[in-house]
PDB file of N, CA and C in Angstrom:
ATOM      1  N   MET A   1       1.954   2.256  56.667  1.00  0.00           N
ATOM      2  CA  MET A   1       3.193   1.558  55.974  1.00  0.00           C
ATOM      3  C   MET A   1       3.532   2.157  54.684  1.00  0.00           C
ATOM      4  N   GLY A   2       4.605   2.230  54.122  1.00  0.00           N
ATOM      5  CA  GLY A   2       4.862   2.734  52.868  1.00  0.00           C
ATOM      6  C   GLY A   2       4.989   1.884  51.894  1.00  0.00           C
ATOM      7  N   GLU A   3       5.300   2.183  50.494  1.00  0.00           N
ATOM      8  CA  GLU A   3       5.476   1.173  49.583  1.00  0.00           C
ATOM      9  C   GLU A   3       6.678   0.784  49.398  1.00  0.00           C
ATOM     10  N   THR A   4       6.993  -0.202  48.623  1.00  0.00           N
ATOM     11  CA  THR A   4       8.425  -0.800  48.491  1.00  0.00           C
ATOM     12  C   THR A   4       8.747  -0.182  47.124  1.00  0.00           C
ATOM     13  N   ILE A   5      10.100   0.708  47.185  1.00  0.00           N
ATOM     14  CA  ILE A   5      10.461   1.144  45.810  1.00  0.00           C
ATOM     15  C   ILE A   5      11.675   0.568  45.473  1.00  0.00           C
ATOM     16  N   ARG A   6      12.078   0.377  43.990  1.00  0.00           N
ATOM     17  CA  ARG A   6      13.222  -0.442  43.611  1.00  0.00           C
ATOM     18  C   ARG A   6      13.847   0.581  42.565  1.00  0.00           C
ATOM     19  N   PHE A   7      14.943   0.912  42.619  1.00  0.00           N
ATOM     20  CA  PHE A   7      15.593   1.649  41.738  1.00  0.00           C
ATOM     21  C   PHE A   7      17.107   1.399  41.332  1.00  0.00           C
ATOM     22  N   ALA A   8      17.439   1.608  40.164  1.00  0.00           N
ATOM     23  CA  ALA A   8      19.135   1.288  39.612  1.00  0.00           C
ATOM     24  C   ALA A   8      19.885   2.671  40.088  1.00  0.00           C
ATOM     25  N   VAL A   9      21.104   2.210  40.664  1.00  0.00           N
ATOM     26  CA  VAL A   9      22.100   3.521  40.822  1.00  0.00           C
ATOM     27  C   VAL A   9      23.411   2.897  40.123  1.00  0.00           C
ATOM     28  N   ARG A  10      24.248   4.303  39.673  1.00  0.00           N
ATOM     29  CA  ARG A  10      25.621   4.174  39.177  1.00  0.00           C
ATOM     30  C   ARG A  10      26.230   4.604  40.103  1.00  0.00           C
ATOM     31  N   VAL A  11      27.380   4.059  40.593  1.00  0.00           N
ATOM     32  CA  VAL A  11      28.077   4.548  41.749  1.00  0.00           C
ATOM     33  C   VAL A  11      29.460   5.055  41.329  1.00  0.00           C
ATOM     34  N   LYS A  12      29.923   6.227  41.679  1.00  0.00           N
ATOM     35  CA  LYS A  12      30.994   6.699  41.359  1.00  0.00           C
ATOM     36  C   LYS A  12      32.177   6.988  42.799  1.00  0.00           C
ATOM     37  N   PRO A  13      32.868   5.609  43.016  1.00  0.00           N
ATOM     38  CA  PRO A  13      33.641   5.827  44.245  1.00  0.00           C
ATOM     39  C   PRO A  13      34.772   6.642  43.990  1.00  0.00           C
ATOM     40  N   GLY A  14      35.260   7.228  45.225  1.00  0.00           N
ATOM     41  CA  GLY A  14      36.589   7.977  45.076  1.00  0.00           C
ATOM     42  C   GLY A  14      36.406   9.418  44.403  1.00  0.00           C
ATOM     43  N   ALA A  15      35.079   9.814  44.417  1.00  0.00           N
ATOM     44  CA  ALA A  15      34.911  11.105  43.976  1.00  0.00           C
ATOM     45  C   ALA A  15      35.507  12.259  45.046  1.00  0.00           C
ATOM     46  N   LYS A  16      35.553  13.596  44.411  1.00  0.00           N
ATOM     47  CA  LYS A  16      36.173  14.462  45.192  1.00  0.00           C
ATOM     48  C   LYS A  16      35.153  15.100  46.138  1.00  0.00           C
ATOM     49  N   ARG A  17      33.721  15.083  45.778  1.00  0.00           N
ATOM     50  CA  ARG A  17      32.781  15.182  46.556  1.00  0.00           C
ATOM     51  C   ARG A  17      31.594  14.527  46.428  1.00  0.00           C
ATOM     52  N   GLU A  18      30.739  14.348  47.503  1.00  0.00           N
ATOM     53  CA  GLU A  18      29.445  13.610  47.387  1.00  0.00           C
ATOM     54  C   GLU A  18      28.283  14.169  46.922  1.00  0.00           C
ATOM     55  N   ALA A  19      27.575  13.401  45.837  1.00  0.00           N
ATOM     56  CA  ALA A  19      26.671  14.066  45.398  1.00  0.00           C
ATOM     57  C   ALA A  19      25.526  12.958  44.820  1.00  0.00           C
ATOM     58  N   VAL A  20      24.317  13.133  44.980  1.00  0.00           N
ATOM     59  CA  VAL A  20      23.343  12.531  44.423  1.00  0.00           C
ATOM     60  C   VAL A  20      22.453  13.069  43.353  1.00  0.00           C
ATOM     61  N   GLY A  21      22.434  12.518  42.346  1.00  0.00           N
ATOM     62  CA  GLY A  21      21.726  13.242  41.255  1.00  0.00           C
ATOM     63  C   GLY A  21      22.285  13.152  39.806  1.00  0.00           C
ATOM     64  N   GLY A  22      21.315  12.938  38.773  1.00  0.00           N
ATOM     65  CA  GLY A  22      21.562  12.815  37.548  1.00  0.00           C
ATOM     66  C   GLY A  22      21.124  11.390  37.064  1.00  0.00           C
ATOM     67  N   ARG A  23      21.516  11.255  35.640  1.00  0.00           N
ATOM     68  CA  ARG A  23      20.972   9.991  35.016  1.00  0.00           C
ATOM     69  C   ARG A  23      22.001   9.468  34.374  1.00  0.00           C
ATOM     70  N   TRP A  24      22.069   8.153  34.454  1.00  0.00           N
ATOM     71  CA  TRP A  24      23.086   7.212  33.698  1.00  0.00           C
ATOM     72  C   TRP A  24      22.370   6.243  33.117  1.00  0.00           C
ATOM     73  N   GLU A  25      22.501   5.917  31.662  1.00  0.00           N
ATOM     74  CA  GLU A  25      21.802   4.801  30.873  1.00  0.00           C
ATOM     75  C   GLU A  25      22.827   3.742  31.070  1.00  0.00           C
ATOM     76  N   GLY A  26      22.602   2.520  31.864  1.00  0.00           N
ATOM     77  CA  GLY A  26      23.646   1.436  32.041  1.00  0.00           C
ATOM     78  C   GLY A  26      22.720   0.195  31.742  1.00  0.00           C
ATOM     79  N   ALA A  27      23.350  -0.905  32.439  1.00  0.00           N
ATOM     80  CA  ALA A  27      23.031  -2.262  32.229  1.00  0.00           C
ATOM     81  C   ALA A  27      21.636  -2.679  32.839  1.00  0.00           C
ATOM     82  N   LEU A  28      21.276  -1.861  33.895  1.00  0.00           N
ATOM     83  CA  LEU A  28      19.982  -1.759  34.505  1.00  0.00           C
ATOM     84  C   LEU A  28      18.878  -0.925  34.154  1.00  0.00           C
ATOM     85  N   GLY A  29      19.481  -0.237  33.016  1.00  0.00           N
ATOM     86  CA  GLY A  29      18.337   0.696  32.522  1.00  0.00           C
ATOM     87  C   GLY A  29      18.750   2.019  33.097  1.00  0.00           C
ATOM     88  N   ALA A  30      17.646   3.162  33.160  1.00  0.00           N
ATOM     89  CA  ALA A  30      18.223   4.471  33.739  1.00  0.00           C
ATOM     90  C   ALA A  30      18.453   4.345  35.030  1.00  0.00           C
ATOM     91  N   ALA A  31      19.438   5.023  35.498  1.00  0.00           N
ATOM     92  CA  ALA A  31      20.064   4.664  36.985  1.00  0.00           C
ATOM     93  C   ALA A  31      20.417   5.881  37.520  1.00  0.00           C
ATOM     94  N   LEU A  32      20.151   6.381  38.670  1.00  0.00           N
ATOM     95  CA  LEU A  32      20.608   7.455  39.303  1.00  0.00           C
ATOM     96  C   LEU A  32      21.982   7.452  39.857  1.00  0.00           C
ATOM     97  N   ILE A  33      22.739   8.565  39.524  1.00  0.00           N
ATOM     98  CA  ILE A  33      24.188   8.520  39.975  1.00  0.00           C
ATOM     99  C   ILE A  33      24.307   9.299  41.149  1.00  0.00           C
ATOM    100  N   VAL A  34      25.307   8.337  41.939  1.00  0.00           N
ATOM    101  CA  VAL A  34      25.626   8.690  43.180  1.00  0.00           C
ATOM    102  C   VAL A  34      27.194   8.726  43.219  1.00  0.00           C
ATOM    103  N   ALA A  35      27.481   9.836  43.648  1.00  0.00           N
ATOM    104  CA  ALA A  35      29.184   9.998  43.647  1.00  0.00           C
ATOM    105  C   ALA A  35      29.369   9.807  45.352  1.00  0.00           C
ATOM    106  N   VAL A  36      30.414   9.081  45.717  1.00  0.00           N
ATOM    107  CA  VAL A  36      30.711   9.175  47.003  1.00  0.00           C
ATOM    108  C   VAL A  36      32.720   9.197  47.129  1.00  0.00           C
ATOM    109  N   ARG A  37      32.908   9.822  48.308  1.00  0.00           N
ATOM    110  CA  ARG A  37      34.392   9.856  48.387  1.00  0.00           C
ATOM    111  C   ARG A  37      35.031   8.589  48.865  1.00  0.00           C
ATOM    112  N   ALA A  38      34.209   7.504  49.191  1.00  0.00           N
ATOM    113  CA  ALA A  38      34.723   6.493  50.012  1.00  0.00           C
ATOM    114  C   ALA A  38      35.181   5.752  48.628  1.00  0.00           C
ATOM    115  N   PRO A  39      36.263   5.055  49.159  1.00  0.00           N
ATOM    116  CA  PRO A  39      36.869   4.083  47.824  1.00  0.00           C
ATOM    117  C   PRO A  39      36.174   2.523  47.773  1.00  0.00           C
ATOM    118  N   ALA A  40      36.262   1.921  46.793  1.00  0.00           N
ATOM    119  CA  ALA A  40      35.437   0.785  46.451  1.00  0.00           C
ATOM    120  C   ALA A  40      36.328  -0.366  47.055  1.00  0.00           C
ATOM    121  N   VAL A  41      36.449  -0.343  48.478  1.00  0.00           N
ATOM    122  CA  VAL A  41      37.512  -1.490  48.902  1.00  0.00           C
ATOM    123  C   VAL A  41      36.508  -1.822  50.253  1.00  0.00           C
ATOM    124  N   GLY A  42      36.301  -3.041  50.685  1.00  0.00           N
ATOM    125  CA  GLY A  42      35.916  -3.608  51.915  1.00  0.00           C
ATOM    126  C   GLY A  42      34.470  -2.996  52.109  1.00  0.00           C
ATOM    127  N   GLY A  43      33.586  -2.689  51.127  1.00  0.00           N
ATOM    128  CA  GLY A  43      32.410  -2.321  51.479  1.00  0.00           C
ATOM    129  C   GLY A  43      32.167  -0.973  51.867  1.00  0.00           C
ATOM    130  N   LYS A  44      33.368   0.001  51.653  1.00  0.00           N
ATOM    131  CA  LYS A  44      33.105   1.244  52.193  1.00  0.00           C
ATOM    132  C   LYS A  44      32.338   1.878  51.482  1.00  0.00           C
ATOM    133  N   ALA A  45      32.398   1.932  50.162  1.00  0.00           N
ATOM    134  CA  ALA A  45      31.600   2.423  49.127  1.00  0.00           C
ATOM    135  C   ALA A  45      30.050   2.315  49.208  1.00  0.00           C
ATOM    136  N   ASN A  46      29.797   1.002  49.298  1.00  0.00           N
ATOM    137  CA  ASN A  46      28.226   0.666  49.582  1.00  0.00           C
ATOM    138  C   ASN A  46      27.887   1.405  50.695  1.00  0.00           C
ATOM    139  N   GLU A  47      28.595   1.449  51.765  1.00  0.00           N
ATOM    140  CA  GLU A  47      28.158   2.072  53.209  1.00  0.00           C
ATOM    141  C   GLU A  47      27.723   3.403  52.810  1.00  0.00           C
ATOM    142  N   ALA A  48      28.806   4.132  52.188  1.00  0.00           N
ATOM    143  CA  ALA A  48      28.841   5.529  51.707  1.00  0.00           C
ATOM    144  C   ALA A  48      27.481   5.751  50.953  1.00  0.00           C
ATOM    145  N   VAL A  49      27.116   4.880  49.825  1.00  0.00           N
ATOM    146  CA  VAL A  49      26.135   5.045  48.912  1.00  0.00           C
ATOM    147  C   VAL A  49      24.736   5.156  49.713  1.00  0.00           C
ATOM    148  N   ARG A  50      24.542   3.993  50.721  1.00  0.00           N
ATOM    149  CA  ARG A  50      23.521   3.938  51.594  1.00  0.00           C
ATOM    150  C   ARG A  50      23.160   5.248  52.499  1.00  0.00           C
ATOM    151  N   LYS A  51      24.286   5.781  52.976  1.00  0.00           N
ATOM    152  CA  LYS A  51      24.214   6.927  53.715  1.00  0.00           C
ATOM    153  C   LYS A  51      23.691   8.199  52.848  1.00  0.00           C
ATOM    154  N   ALA A  52      24.450   8.363  51.662  1.00  0.00           N
ATOM    155  CA  ALA A  52      24.064   9.426  50.737  1.00  0.00           C
ATOM    156  C   ALA A  52      22.533   9.377  50.341  1.00  0.00           C
ATOM    157  N   LEU A  53      22.053   8.027  50.071  1.00  0.00           N
ATOM    158  CA  LEU A  53      20.775   7.935  49.494  1.00  0.00           C
ATOM    159  C   LEU A  53      19.859   8.420  50.371  1.00  0.00           C
ATOM    160  N   ALA A  54      20.283   7.856  51.651  1.00  0.00           N
ATOM    161  CA  ALA A  54      19.261   7.922  53.087  1.00  0.00           C
ATOM    162  C   ALA A  54      19.059   9.429  53.239  1.00  0.00           C
ATOM    163  N   GLY A  55      20.282  10.231  53.103  1.00  0.00           N
ATOM    164  CA  GLY A  55      20.111  11.581  53.411  1.00  0.00           C
ATOM    165  C   GLY A  55      19.246  12.525  52.156  1.00  0.00           C
ATOM    166  N   ALA A  56      19.415  12.162  50.993  1.00  0.00           N
ATOM    167  CA  ALA A  56      18.860  12.878  49.794  1.00  0.00           C
ATOM    168  C   ALA A  56      17.336  12.152  49.855  1.00  0.00           C
ATOM    169  N   LEU A  57      16.953  11.013  50.351  1.00  0.00           N
ATOM    170  CA  LEU A  57      15.452  10.709  50.194  1.00  0.00           C
ATOM    171  C   LEU A  57      14.881  10.632  51.601  1.00  0.00           C
ATOM    172  N   ALA A  58      15.780  11.198  52.718  1.00  0.00           N
ATOM    173  CA  ALA A  58      14.989  11.560  53.960  1.00  0.00           C
ATOM    174  C   ALA A  58      14.531  10.232  54.698  1.00  0.00           C
ATOM    175  N   VAL A  59      15.330   9.052  54.577  1.00  0.00           N
ATOM    176  CA  VAL A  59      15.055   7.877  55.224  1.00  0.00           C
ATOM    177  C   VAL A  59      16.322   7.561  56.192  1.00  0.00           C
ATOM    178  N   ARG A  60      16.304   6.542  57.078  1.00  0.00           N
ATOM    179  CA  ARG A  60      17.486   6.229  57.780  1.00  0.00           C
ATOM    180  C   ARG A  60      18.406   5.224  56.951  1.00  0.00           C
ATOM    181  N   PRO A  61      19.785   5.301  57.044  1.00  0.00           N
ATOM    182  CA  PRO A  61      20.540   4.241  56.099  1.00  0.00           C
ATOM    183  C   PRO A  61      20.255   3.053  56.160  1.00  0.00           C
ATOM    184  N   ARG A  62      19.794   2.638  57.273  1.00  0.00           N
ATOM    185  CA  ARG A  62      19.481   0.968  57.236  1.00  0.00           C
ATOM    186  C   ARG A  62      18.231   0.647  56.742  1.00  0.00           C
ATOM    187  N   ASP A  63      17.371   1.527  56.043  1.00  0.00           N
ATOM    188  CA  ASP A  63      16.339   1.332  55.360  1.00  0.00           C
ATOM    189  C   ASP A  63      16.681   1.274  53.526  1.00  0.00           C
ATOM    190  N   VAL A  64      17.828   1.528  53.442  1.00  0.00           N
ATOM    191  CA  VAL A  64      18.257   1.652  52.143  1.00  0.00           C
ATOM    192  C   VAL A  64      18.849   0.342  51.618  1.00  0.00           C
ATOM    193  N   VAL A  65      18.639  -0.617  50.939  1.00  0.00           N
ATOM    194  CA  VAL A  65      19.124  -2.153  50.666  1.00  0.00           C
ATOM    195  C   VAL A  65      19.602  -2.052  49.483  1.00  0.00           C
ATOM    196  N   VAL A  66      21.036  -2.632  49.517  1.00  0.00           N
ATOM    197  CA  VAL A  66      21.601  -2.982  48.227  1.00  0.00           C
ATOM    198  C   VAL A  66      21.034  -4.482  47.865  1.00  0.00           C
ATOM    199  N   VAL A  67      20.331  -4.658  46.746  1.00  0.00           N
ATOM    200  CA  VAL A  67      19.632  -5.719  46.481  1.00  0.00           C
ATOM    201  C   VAL A  67      20.669  -6.617  45.725  1.00  0.00           C
ATOM    202  N   GLN A  68      21.193  -6.067  44.558  1.00  0.00           N
ATOM    203  CA  GLN A  68      22.091  -6.616  43.465  1.00  0.00           C
ATOM    204  C   GLN A  68      23.122  -5.504  43.079  1.00  0.00           C
ATOM    205  N   GLY A  69      24.275  -5.930  42.936  1.00  0.00           N
ATOM    206  CA  GLY A  69      25.440  -5.347  42.733  1.00  0.00           C
ATOM    207  C   GLY A  69      26.212  -4.716  43.943  1.00  0.00           C
ATOM    208  N   GLU A  70      26.421  -5.764  45.019  1.00  0.00           N
ATOM    209  CA  GLU A  70      27.252  -5.449  46.063  1.00  0.00           C
ATOM    210  C   GLU A  70      28.761  -4.924  45.577  1.00  0.00           C
ATOM    211  N   ARG A  71      29.305  -5.598  44.709  1.00  0.00           N
ATOM    212  CA  ARG A  71      30.629  -5.459  44.178  1.00  0.00           C
ATOM    213  C   ARG A  71      30.859  -4.811  42.799  1.00  0.00           C
ATOM    214  N   ALA A  72      29.723  -4.191  42.501  1.00  0.00           N
ATOM    215  CA  ALA A  72      29.524  -3.424  41.184  1.00  0.00           C
ATOM    216  C   ALA A  72      29.405  -2.193  41.113  1.00  0.00           C
ATOM    217  N   ARG A  73      29.578  -1.239  39.938  1.00  0.00           N
ATOM    218  CA  ARG A  73      29.299   0.098  40.063  1.00  0.00           C
ATOM    219  C   ARG A  73      27.669   0.280  39.844  1.00  0.00           C
ATOM    220  N   ASP A  74      27.150  -0.596  39.146  1.00  0.00           N
ATOM    221  CA  ASP A  74      25.727  -0.624  38.968  1.00  0.00           C
ATOM    222  C   ASP A  74      24.995  -1.442  40.037  1.00  0.00           C
ATOM    223  N   LYS A  75      24.127  -0.763  40.785  1.00  0.00           N
ATOM    224  CA  LYS A  75      23.448  -1.549  41.979  1.00  0.00           C
ATOM    225  C   LYS A  75      22.073  -1.450  41.604  1.00  0.00           C
ATOM    226  N   LEU A  76      21.027  -2.385  42.198  1.00  0.00           N
ATOM    227  CA  LEU A  76      19.706  -2.275  42.267  1.00  0.00           C
ATOM    228  C   LEU A  76      19.610  -1.874  44.005  1.00  0.00           C
ATOM    229  N   ILE A  77      18.747  -1.023  44.278  1.00  0.00           N
ATOM    230  CA  ILE A  77      18.357  -0.383  45.499  1.00  0.00           C
ATOM    231  C   ILE A  77      17.042  -0.726  45.874  1.00  0.00           C
ATOM    232  N   GLU A  78      16.781  -0.841  47.071  1.00  0.00           N
ATOM    233  CA  GLU A  78      15.346  -0.969  47.423  1.00  0.00           C
ATOM    234  C   GLU A  78      15.053  -0.302  48.735  1.00  0.00           C
ATOM    235  N   LEU A  79      13.938   0.329  48.825  1.00  0.00           N
ATOM    236  CA  LEU A  79      13.560   1.091  49.889  1.00  0.00           C
ATOM    237  C   LEU A  79      12.207   0.202  50.425  1.00  0.00           C
ATOM    238  N   PRO A  80      12.357  -0.635  51.315  1.00  0.00           N
ATOM    239  CA  PRO A  80      11.369  -1.598  51.630  1.00  0.00           C
ATOM    240  C   PRO A  80      10.174  -1.073  52.044  1.00  0.00           C
ATOM    241  N   ASP A  81      10.142   0.272  52.931  1.00  0.00           N
ATOM    242  CA  ASP A  81       8.964   0.829  53.659  1.00  0.00           C
ATOM    243  C   ASP A  81       9.009   2.280  53.299  1.00  0.00           C
ATOM    244  N   ALA A  82       9.360   2.813  52.059  1.00  0.00           N
ATOM    245  CA  ALA A  82       9.631   4.188  51.880  1.00  0.00           C
ATOM    246  C   ALA A  82       8.391   5.125  52.361  1.00  0.00           C
ATOM    247  N   PRO A  83       8.788   6.350  52.985  1.00  0.00           N
ATOM    248  CA  PRO A  83       7.723   7.111  53.546  1.00  0.00           C
ATOM    249  C   PRO A  83       7.254   8.057  52.105  1.00  0.00           C
ATOM    250  N   PRO A  84       5.893   8.647  52.744  1.00  0.00           N
ATOM    251  CA  PRO A  84       5.417   9.333  51.564  1.00  0.00           C
ATOM    252  C   PRO A  84       6.183  10.561  51.110  1.00  0.00           C
ATOM    253  N   GLY A  85       6.205  10.568  49.818  1.00  0.00           N
ATOM    254  CA  GLY A  85       6.898  11.532  49.113  1.00  0.00           C
ATOM    255  C   GLY A  85       8.237  11.023  48.561  1.00  0.00           C
ATOM    256  N   ALA A  86       8.688   9.963  48.927  1.00  0.00           N
ATOM    257  CA  ALA A  86      10.031   9.242  48.658  1.00  0.00           C
ATOM    258  C   ALA A  86       9.970   9.169  47.214  1.00  0.00           C
ATOM    259  N   ARG A  87       8.967   8.625  46.468  1.00  0.00           N
ATOM    260  CA  ARG A  87       9.173   8.701  45.091  1.00  0.00           C
ATOM    261  C   ARG A  87       9.206   9.832  44.176  1.00  0.00           C
ATOM    262  N   GLU A  88       8.630  10.883  44.542  1.00  0.00           N
ATOM    263  CA  GLU A  88       8.486  12.043  43.995  1.00  0.00           C
ATOM    264  C   GLU A  88      10.049  12.740  44.372  1.00  0.00           C
ATOM    265  N   ARG A  89      10.789  12.508  45.508  1.00  0.00           N
ATOM    266  CA  ARG A  89      11.978  12.972  45.697  1.00  0.00           C
ATOM    267  C   ARG A  89      12.993  12.160  44.873  1.00  0.00           C
ATOM    268  N   LEU A  90      13.006  10.969  44.745  1.00  0.00           N
ATOM    269  CA  LEU A  90      13.602  10.068  43.591  1.00  0.00           C
ATOM    270  C   LEU A  90      13.652  10.466  42.230  1.00  0.00           C
ATOM    271  N   ARG A  91      12.374  10.826  41.928  1.00  0.00           N
ATOM    272  CA  ARG A  91      12.000  11.383  40.590  1.00  0.00           C
ATOM    273  C   ARG A  91      12.693  12.659  40.279  1.00  0.00           C
ATOM    274  N   SER A  92      12.886  13.676  41.232  1.00  0.00           N
ATOM    275  CA  SER A  92      13.641  15.023  41.238  1.00  0.00           C
ATOM    276  C   SER A  92      14.982  14.756  41.186  1.00  0.00           C
ATOM    277  N   LEU A  93      15.636  13.725  41.820  1.00  0.00           N
ATOM    278  CA  LEU A  93      16.978  13.545  41.751  1.00  0.00           C
ATOM    279  C   LEU A  93      17.593  12.993  40.374  1.00  0.00           C
ATOM    280  N   PHE A  94      16.563  12.359  39.695  1.00  0.00           N
ATOM    281  CA  PHE A  94      17.017  11.886  38.010  1.00  0.00           C
ATOM    282  C   PHE A  94      17.190  13.044  37.157  1.00  0.00           C
ATOM    283  N   CYS A  95      17.022  14.122  37.613  1.00  0.00           N
ATOM    284  CA  CYS A  95      17.025  15.250  36.480  1.00  0.00           C
ATOM    285  C   CYS A  95      18.452  15.700  36.290  1.00  0.00           C
TER     286      CYS A  95
END
């Protein structure tokens, strides 16, 4: 059974291309930047963020939970049962 990891993200909806990586200093502290093509309408951007993070962290999209900020660009994300190595992958994305 893995550990629970919580981290902040800054979402850039409507981007030309999807990308996960970089650092943003925002309301929740240091946040991982996640750019998605989906617009911020009807939860489409949230679903795209979950899929993008799942791909970057090698987990299933359903394992990525938006804990805070459903309707905001700044979100708090939780991986309730993160696999081994997820914390290291997350750290490498902040660069």
